Amino acid sequence: MIYIDKLLTDEEVKIRRERRLEAMQLQEIEGNPLTPEEVEMFEMFERERWLDERCHEHLMTRAREIAANQTNTAP
């Protein structure tokens, strides 16, 4: 799917960033901090102003790729 003119507003980006930082703190408290790659991905979502649907599509694509690679490398 192509997302051309649908982007988050400045206020929406600000809110998402605040929520992400809070979630990251909770993950760290629980002993499961985000990896640098995960942090970069979420920062990219904010920087590019992606809507939820586009973020979800990106995550699902990555999950499928990882699953396919694990299947291909299984003994």
PDB file of N, CA and C in Angstrom:
ATOM      1  N   MET A   1       0.842  -1.171   0.000  1.00  0.00           N
ATOM      2  CA  MET A   1       0.000   0.000   0.000  1.00  0.00           C
ATOM      3  C   MET A   1       0.895   1.244   0.000  1.00  0.00           C
ATOM      4  N   ILE A   2       0.487   2.274  -0.702  1.00  0.00           N
ATOM      5  CA  ILE A   2       1.274   3.502  -0.784  1.00  0.00           C
ATOM      6  C   ILE A   2       0.591   4.587   0.041  1.00  0.00           C
ATOM      7  N   TYR A   3       1.389   5.234   0.882  1.00  0.00           N
ATOM      8  CA  TYR A   3       0.894   6.303   1.736  1.00  0.00           C
ATOM      9  C   TYR A   3       1.542   7.594   1.256  1.00  0.00           C
ATOM     10  N   ILE A   4       0.784   8.458   0.610  1.00  0.00           N
ATOM     11  CA  ILE A   4       1.387   9.644   0.014  1.00  0.00           C
ATOM     12  C   ILE A   4       1.183  10.883   0.873  1.00  0.00           C
ATOM     13  N   ASP A   5      -0.038  11.286   1.067  1.00  0.00           N
ATOM     14  CA  ASP A   5      -0.265  12.558   1.749  1.00  0.00           C
ATOM     15  C   ASP A   5      -0.820  12.406   3.156  1.00  0.00           C
ATOM     16  N   LYS A   6      -0.831  11.208   3.676  1.00  0.00           N
ATOM     17  CA  LYS A   6      -1.344  10.975   5.019  1.00  0.00           C
ATOM     18  C   LYS A   6      -0.176  10.886   5.988  1.00  0.00           C
ATOM     19  N   LEU A   7       0.045  11.954   6.728  1.00  0.00           N
ATOM     20  CA  LEU A   7       1.150  12.002   7.684  1.00  0.00           C
ATOM     21  C   LEU A   7       0.645  12.511   9.021  1.00  0.00           C
ATOM     22  N   LEU A   8       1.373  12.183  10.080  1.00  0.00           N
ATOM     23  CA  LEU A   8       1.037  12.680  11.404  1.00  0.00           C
ATOM     24  C   LEU A   8       1.309  14.178  11.498  1.00  0.00           C
ATOM     25  N   THR A   9       0.540  14.849  12.333  1.00  0.00           N
ATOM     26  CA  THR A   9       0.780  16.262  12.597  1.00  0.00           C
ATOM     27  C   THR A   9       1.901  16.401  13.618  1.00  0.00           C
ATOM     28  N   ASP A  10       2.398  17.621  13.791  1.00  0.00           N
ATOM     29  CA  ASP A  10       3.433  17.874  14.803  1.00  0.00           C
ATOM     30  C   ASP A  10       2.957  17.427  16.182  1.00  0.00           C
ATOM     31  N   GLU A  11       1.716  17.739  16.510  1.00  0.00           N
ATOM     32  CA  GLU A  11       1.168  17.378  17.825  1.00  0.00           C
ATOM     33  C   GLU A  11       1.083  15.867  17.987  1.00  0.00           C
ATOM     34  N   GLU A  12       0.662  15.162  16.942  1.00  0.00           N
ATOM     35  CA  GLU A  12       0.577  13.704  17.008  1.00  0.00           C
ATOM     36  C   GLU A  12       1.956  13.078  17.178  1.00  0.00           C
ATOM     37  N   VAL A  13       2.947  13.625  16.498  1.00  0.00           N
ATOM     38  CA  VAL A  13       4.318  13.122  16.643  1.00  0.00           C
ATOM     39  C   VAL A  13       4.798  13.342  18.068  1.00  0.00           C
ATOM     40  N   LYS A  14       4.516  14.508  18.624  1.00  0.00           N
ATOM     41  CA  LYS A  14       4.921  14.816  19.996  1.00  0.00           C
ATOM     42  C   LYS A  14       4.303  13.821  20.980  1.00  0.00           C
ATOM     43  N   ILE A  15       3.030  13.544  20.815  1.00  0.00           N
ATOM     44  CA  ILE A  15       2.334  12.612  21.703  1.00  0.00           C
ATOM     45  C   ILE A  15       2.921  11.207  21.572  1.00  0.00           C
ATOM     46  N   ARG A  16       3.162  10.777  20.350  1.00  0.00           N
ATOM     47  CA  ARG A  16       3.731   9.439  20.141  1.00  0.00           C
ATOM     48  C   ARG A  16       5.122   9.319  20.739  1.00  0.00           C
ATOM     49  N   ARG A  17       5.917  10.369  20.604  1.00  0.00           N
ATOM     50  CA  ARG A  17       7.268  10.342  21.168  1.00  0.00           C
ATOM     51  C   ARG A  17       7.199  10.207  22.691  1.00  0.00           C
ATOM     52  N   GLU A  18       6.308  10.981  23.317  1.00  0.00           N
ATOM     53  CA  GLU A  18       6.154  10.901  24.772  1.00  0.00           C
ATOM     54  C   GLU A  18       5.740   9.489  25.188  1.00  0.00           C
ATOM     55  N   ARG A  19       4.802   8.910  24.464  1.00  0.00           N
ATOM     56  CA  ARG A  19       4.343   7.554  24.776  1.00  0.00           C
ATOM     57  C   ARG A  19       5.465   6.536  24.576  1.00  0.00           C
ATOM     58  N   ARG A  20       6.243   6.705  23.501  1.00  0.00           N
ATOM     59  CA  ARG A  20       7.346   5.772  23.246  1.00  0.00           C
ATOM     60  C   ARG A  20       8.375   5.832  24.362  1.00  0.00           C
ATOM     61  N   LEU A  21       8.737   7.040  24.781  1.00  0.00           N
ATOM     62  CA  LEU A  21       9.732   7.180  25.844  1.00  0.00           C
ATOM     63  C   LEU A  21       9.233   6.555  27.143  1.00  0.00           C
ATOM     64  N   GLU A  22       7.954   6.751  27.445  1.00  0.00           N
ATOM     65  CA  GLU A  22       7.376   6.144  28.648  1.00  0.00           C
ATOM     66  C   GLU A  22       7.386   4.617  28.528  1.00  0.00           C
ATOM     67  N   ALA A  23       7.006   4.102  27.367  1.00  0.00           N
ATOM     68  CA  ALA A  23       6.997   2.650  27.157  1.00  0.00           C
ATOM     69  C   ALA A  23       8.406   2.080  27.254  1.00  0.00           C
ATOM     70  N   MET A  24       9.382   2.815  26.740  1.00  0.00           N
ATOM     71  CA  MET A  24      10.772   2.355  26.817  1.00  0.00           C
ATOM     72  C   MET A  24      11.231   2.269  28.261  1.00  0.00           C
ATOM     73  N   GLN A  25      10.825   3.231  29.083  1.00  0.00           N
ATOM     74  CA  GLN A  25      11.187   3.185  30.501  1.00  0.00           C
ATOM     75  C   GLN A  25      10.559   1.971  31.177  1.00  0.00           C
ATOM     76  N   LEU A  26       9.310   1.692  30.854  1.00  0.00           N
ATOM     77  CA  LEU A  26       8.642   0.527  31.439  1.00  0.00           C
ATOM     78  C   LEU A  26       9.317  -0.773  30.993  1.00  0.00           C
ATOM     79  N   GLN A  27       9.681  -0.852  29.714  1.00  0.00           N
ATOM     80  CA  GLN A  27      10.375  -2.042  29.219  1.00  0.00           C
ATOM     81  C   GLN A  27      11.697  -2.237  29.954  1.00  0.00           C
ATOM     82  N   GLU A  28      12.390  -1.144  30.207  1.00  0.00           N
ATOM     83  CA  GLU A  28      13.669  -1.232  30.911  1.00  0.00           C
ATOM     84  C   GLU A  28      13.460  -1.695  32.351  1.00  0.00           C
ATOM     85  N   ILE A  29      12.450  -1.153  33.013  1.00  0.00           N
ATOM     86  CA  ILE A  29      12.140  -1.564  34.386  1.00  0.00           C
ATOM     87  C   ILE A  29      11.829  -3.060  34.435  1.00  0.00           C
ATOM     88  N   GLU A  30      11.140  -3.555  33.414  1.00  0.00           N
ATOM     89  CA  GLU A  30      10.772  -4.964  33.365  1.00  0.00           C
ATOM     90  C   GLU A  30      11.928  -5.862  32.914  1.00  0.00           C
ATOM     91  N   GLY A  31      13.084  -5.262  32.653  1.00  0.00           N
ATOM     92  CA  GLY A  31      14.243  -6.046  32.262  1.00  0.00           C
ATOM     93  C   GLY A  31      14.243  -6.460  30.801  1.00  0.00           C
ATOM     94  N   ASN A  32      13.462  -5.763  29.986  1.00  0.00           N
ATOM     95  CA  ASN A  32      13.373  -6.099  28.567  1.00  0.00           C
ATOM     96  C   ASN A  32      13.499  -4.817  27.732  1.00  0.00           C
ATOM     97  N   PRO A  33      14.660  -4.150  27.816  1.00  0.00           N
ATOM     98  CA  PRO A  33      14.800  -2.877  27.093  1.00  0.00           C
ATOM     99  C   PRO A  33      14.821  -3.090  25.584  1.00  0.00           C
ATOM    100  N   LEU A  34      14.430  -2.051  24.867  1.00  0.00           N
ATOM    101  CA  LEU A  34      14.488  -2.104  23.412  1.00  0.00           C
ATOM    102  C   LEU A  34      15.945  -2.131  22.960  1.00  0.00           C
ATOM    103  N   THR A  35      16.179  -2.798  21.859  1.00  0.00           N
ATOM    104  CA  THR A  35      17.513  -2.794  21.273  1.00  0.00           C
ATOM    105  C   THR A  35      17.734  -1.459  20.568  1.00  0.00           C
ATOM    106  N   PRO A  36      18.980  -1.102  20.306  1.00  0.00           N
ATOM    107  CA  PRO A  36      19.227   0.134  19.549  1.00  0.00           C
ATOM    108  C   PRO A  36      18.514   0.133  18.190  1.00  0.00           C
ATOM    109  N   GLU A  37      18.426  -1.022  17.552  1.00  0.00           N
ATOM    110  CA  GLU A  37      17.744  -1.122  16.266  1.00  0.00           C
ATOM    111  C   GLU A  37      16.245  -0.843  16.416  1.00  0.00           C
ATOM    112  N   GLU A  38      15.641  -1.340  17.498  1.00  0.00           N
ATOM    113  CA  GLU A  38      14.223  -1.091  17.734  1.00  0.00           C
ATOM    114  C   GLU A  38      13.974   0.385  18.018  1.00  0.00           C
ATOM    115  N   VAL A  39      14.843   0.989  18.823  1.00  0.00           N
ATOM    116  CA  VAL A  39      14.708   2.421  19.117  1.00  0.00           C
ATOM    117  C   VAL A  39      14.796   3.212  17.818  1.00  0.00           C
ATOM    118  N   GLU A  40      15.768   2.889  16.980  1.00  0.00           N
ATOM    119  CA  GLU A  40      15.931   3.589  15.695  1.00  0.00           C
ATOM    120  C   GLU A  40      14.692   3.438  14.821  1.00  0.00           C
ATOM    121  N   MET A  41      14.105   2.242  14.815  1.00  0.00           N
ATOM    122  CA  MET A  41      12.913   2.021  14.009  1.00  0.00           C
ATOM    123  C   MET A  41      11.767   2.914  14.473  1.00  0.00           C
ATOM    124  N   PHE A  42      11.533   2.971  15.783  1.00  0.00           N
ATOM    125  CA  PHE A  42      10.447   3.806  16.289  1.00  0.00           C
ATOM    126  C   PHE A  42      10.733   5.292  16.086  1.00  0.00           C
ATOM    127  N   GLU A  43      11.988   5.679  16.195  1.00  0.00           N
ATOM    128  CA  GLU A  43      12.349   7.066  15.904  1.00  0.00           C
ATOM    129  C   GLU A  43      12.113   7.379  14.430  1.00  0.00           C
ATOM    130  N   MET A  44      12.377   6.416  13.564  1.00  0.00           N
ATOM    131  CA  MET A  44      12.125   6.598  12.135  1.00  0.00           C
ATOM    132  C   MET A  44      10.635   6.775  11.870  1.00  0.00           C
ATOM    133  N   PHE A  45       9.805   5.974  12.552  1.00  0.00           N
ATOM    134  CA  PHE A  45       8.357   6.130  12.400  1.00  0.00           C
ATOM    135  C   PHE A  45       7.954   7.571  12.725  1.00  0.00           C
ATOM    136  N   GLU A  46       8.501   8.099  13.813  1.00  0.00           N
ATOM    137  CA  GLU A  46       8.175   9.471  14.216  1.00  0.00           C
ATOM    138  C   GLU A  46       8.727  10.488  13.219  1.00  0.00           C
ATOM    139  N   ARG A  47       9.970  10.315  12.841  1.00  0.00           N
ATOM    140  CA  ARG A  47      10.627  11.246  11.914  1.00  0.00           C
ATOM    141  C   ARG A  47       9.890  11.302  10.574  1.00  0.00           C
ATOM    142  N   GLU A  48       9.466  10.132  10.090  1.00  0.00           N
ATOM    143  CA  GLU A  48       8.767  10.047   8.808  1.00  0.00           C
ATOM    144  C   GLU A  48       7.272  10.325   8.936  1.00  0.00           C
ATOM    145  N   ARG A  49       6.803  10.445  10.191  1.00  0.00           N
ATOM    146  CA  ARG A  49       5.398  10.777  10.487  1.00  0.00           C
ATOM    147  C   ARG A  49       4.407   9.712   9.992  1.00  0.00           C
ATOM    148  N   TRP A  50       4.813   8.447  10.123  1.00  0.00           N
ATOM    149  CA  TRP A  50       3.982   7.352   9.642  1.00  0.00           C
ATOM    150  C   TRP A  50       2.738   7.181  10.497  1.00  0.00           C
ATOM    151  N   LEU A  51       1.621   6.894   9.837  1.00  0.00           N
ATOM    152  CA  LEU A  51       0.383   6.551  10.522  1.00  0.00           C
ATOM    153  C   LEU A  51       0.479   5.125  11.058  1.00  0.00           C
ATOM    154  N   ASP A  52      -0.417   4.791  11.980  1.00  0.00           N
ATOM    155  CA  ASP A  52      -0.411   3.453  12.585  1.00  0.00           C
ATOM    156  C   ASP A  52      -0.457   2.347  11.541  1.00  0.00           C
ATOM    157  N   GLU A  53      -1.281   2.519  10.526  1.00  0.00           N
ATOM    158  CA  GLU A  53      -1.435   1.477   9.517  1.00  0.00           C
ATOM    159  C   GLU A  53      -0.105   1.195   8.813  1.00  0.00           C
ATOM    160  N   ARG A  54       0.637   2.230   8.510  1.00  0.00           N
ATOM    161  CA  ARG A  54       1.913   2.047   7.824  1.00  0.00           C
ATOM    162  C   ARG A  54       2.943   1.398   8.750  1.00  0.00           C
ATOM    163  N   CYS A  55       2.953   1.802  10.018  1.00  0.00           N
ATOM    164  CA  CYS A  55       3.856   1.177  10.997  1.00  0.00           C
ATOM    165  C   CYS A  55       3.529  -0.305  11.129  1.00  0.00           C
ATOM    166  N   HIS A  56       2.257  -0.616  11.245  1.00  0.00           N
ATOM    167  CA  HIS A  56       1.817  -2.004  11.386  1.00  0.00           C
ATOM    168  C   HIS A  56       2.230  -2.820  10.167  1.00  0.00           C
ATOM    169  N   GLU A  57       2.040  -2.267   8.985  1.00  0.00           N
ATOM    170  CA  GLU A  57       2.419  -2.973   7.763  1.00  0.00           C
ATOM    171  C   GLU A  57       3.928  -3.241   7.733  1.00  0.00           C
ATOM    172  N   HIS A  58       4.704  -2.260   8.144  1.00  0.00           N
ATOM    173  CA  HIS A  58       6.163  -2.414   8.185  1.00  0.00           C
ATOM    174  C   HIS A  58       6.556  -3.524   9.165  1.00  0.00           C
ATOM    175  N   LEU A  59       5.961  -3.517  10.349  1.00  0.00           N
ATOM    176  CA  LEU A  59       6.276  -4.527  11.360  1.00  0.00           C
ATOM    177  C   LEU A  59       5.873  -5.927  10.902  1.00  0.00           C
ATOM    178  N   MET A  60       4.726  -6.037  10.265  1.00  0.00           N
ATOM    179  CA  MET A  60       4.278  -7.343   9.781  1.00  0.00           C
ATOM    180  C   MET A  60       5.197  -7.861   8.676  1.00  0.00           C
ATOM    181  N   THR A  61       5.645  -6.980   7.803  1.00  0.00           N
ATOM    182  CA  THR A  61       6.572  -7.382   6.748  1.00  0.00           C
ATOM    183  C   THR A  61       7.873  -7.886   7.348  1.00  0.00           C
ATOM    184  N   ARG A  62       8.392  -7.156   8.331  1.00  0.00           N
ATOM    185  CA  ARG A  62       9.632  -7.590   8.998  1.00  0.00           C
ATOM    186  C   ARG A  62       9.446  -8.938   9.681  1.00  0.00           C
ATOM    187  N   ALA A  63       8.302  -9.120  10.350  1.00  0.00           N
ATOM    188  CA  ALA A  63       8.041 -10.382  11.050  1.00  0.00           C
ATOM    189  C   ALA A  63       7.981 -11.542  10.056  1.00  0.00           C
ATOM    190  N   ARG A  64       7.342 -11.325   8.915  1.00  0.00           N
ATOM    191  CA  ARG A  64       7.274 -12.379   7.895  1.00  0.00           C
ATOM    192  C   ARG A  64       8.665 -12.712   7.362  1.00  0.00           C
ATOM    193  N   GLU A  65       9.482 -11.689   7.137  1.00  0.00           N
ATOM    194  CA  GLU A  65      10.839 -11.916   6.633  1.00  0.00           C
ATOM    195  C   GLU A  65      11.665 -12.714   7.642  1.00  0.00           C
ATOM    196  N   ILE A  66      11.555 -12.360   8.907  1.00  0.00           N
ATOM    197  CA  ILE A  66      12.290 -13.074   9.950  1.00  0.00           C
ATOM    198  C   ILE A  66      11.823 -14.520  10.037  1.00  0.00           C
ATOM    199  N   ALA A  67      10.503 -14.724   9.998  1.00  0.00           N
ATOM    200  CA  ALA A  67       9.964 -16.080  10.060  1.00  0.00           C
ATOM    201  C   ALA A  67      10.408 -16.902   8.862  1.00  0.00           C
ATOM    202  N   ALA A  68      10.430 -16.301   7.688  1.00  0.00           N
ATOM    203  CA  ALA A  68      10.864 -17.010   6.488  1.00  0.00           C
ATOM    204  C   ALA A  68      12.331 -17.387   6.589  1.00  0.00           C
ATOM    205  N   ASN A  69      13.140 -16.489   7.109  1.00  0.00           N
ATOM    206  CA  ASN A  69      14.569 -16.782   7.254  1.00  0.00           C
ATOM    207  C   ASN A  69      14.802 -17.890   8.260  1.00  0.00           C
ATOM    208  N   GLN A  70      14.024 -17.908   9.330  1.00  0.00           N
ATOM    209  CA  GLN A  70      14.174 -18.963  10.338  1.00  0.00           C
ATOM    210  C   GLN A  70      13.739 -20.304   9.787  1.00  0.00           C
ATOM    211  N   THR A  71      12.713 -20.302   8.962  1.00  0.00           N
ATOM    212  CA  THR A  71      12.237 -21.529   8.338  1.00  0.00           C
ATOM    213  C   THR A  71      13.266 -22.067   7.360  1.00  0.00           C
ATOM    214  N   ASN A  72      13.886 -21.157   6.614  1.00  0.00           N
ATOM    215  CA  ASN A  72      14.888 -21.558   5.624  1.00  0.00           C
ATOM    216  C   ASN A  72      16.178 -22.055   6.240  1.00  0.00           C
ATOM    217  N   THR A  73      16.452 -21.648   7.463  1.00  0.00           N
ATOM    218  CA  THR A  73      17.701 -22.057   8.105  1.00  0.00           C
ATOM    219  C   THR A  73      17.501 -23.177   9.136  1.00  0.00           C
ATOM    220  N   ALA A  74      16.280 -23.665   9.269  1.00  0.00           N
ATOM    221  CA  ALA A  74      16.015 -24.736  10.230  1.00  0.00           C
ATOM    222  C   ALA A  74      16.673 -26.024   9.751  1.00  0.00           C
ATOM    223  N   PRO A  75      17.198 -26.826  10.718  1.00  0.00           N
ATOM    224  CA  PRO A  75      17.881 -28.074  10.341  1.00  0.00           C
ATOM    225  C   PRO A  75      16.955 -29.109   9.740  1.00  0.00           C
TER     226      PRO A  75
END
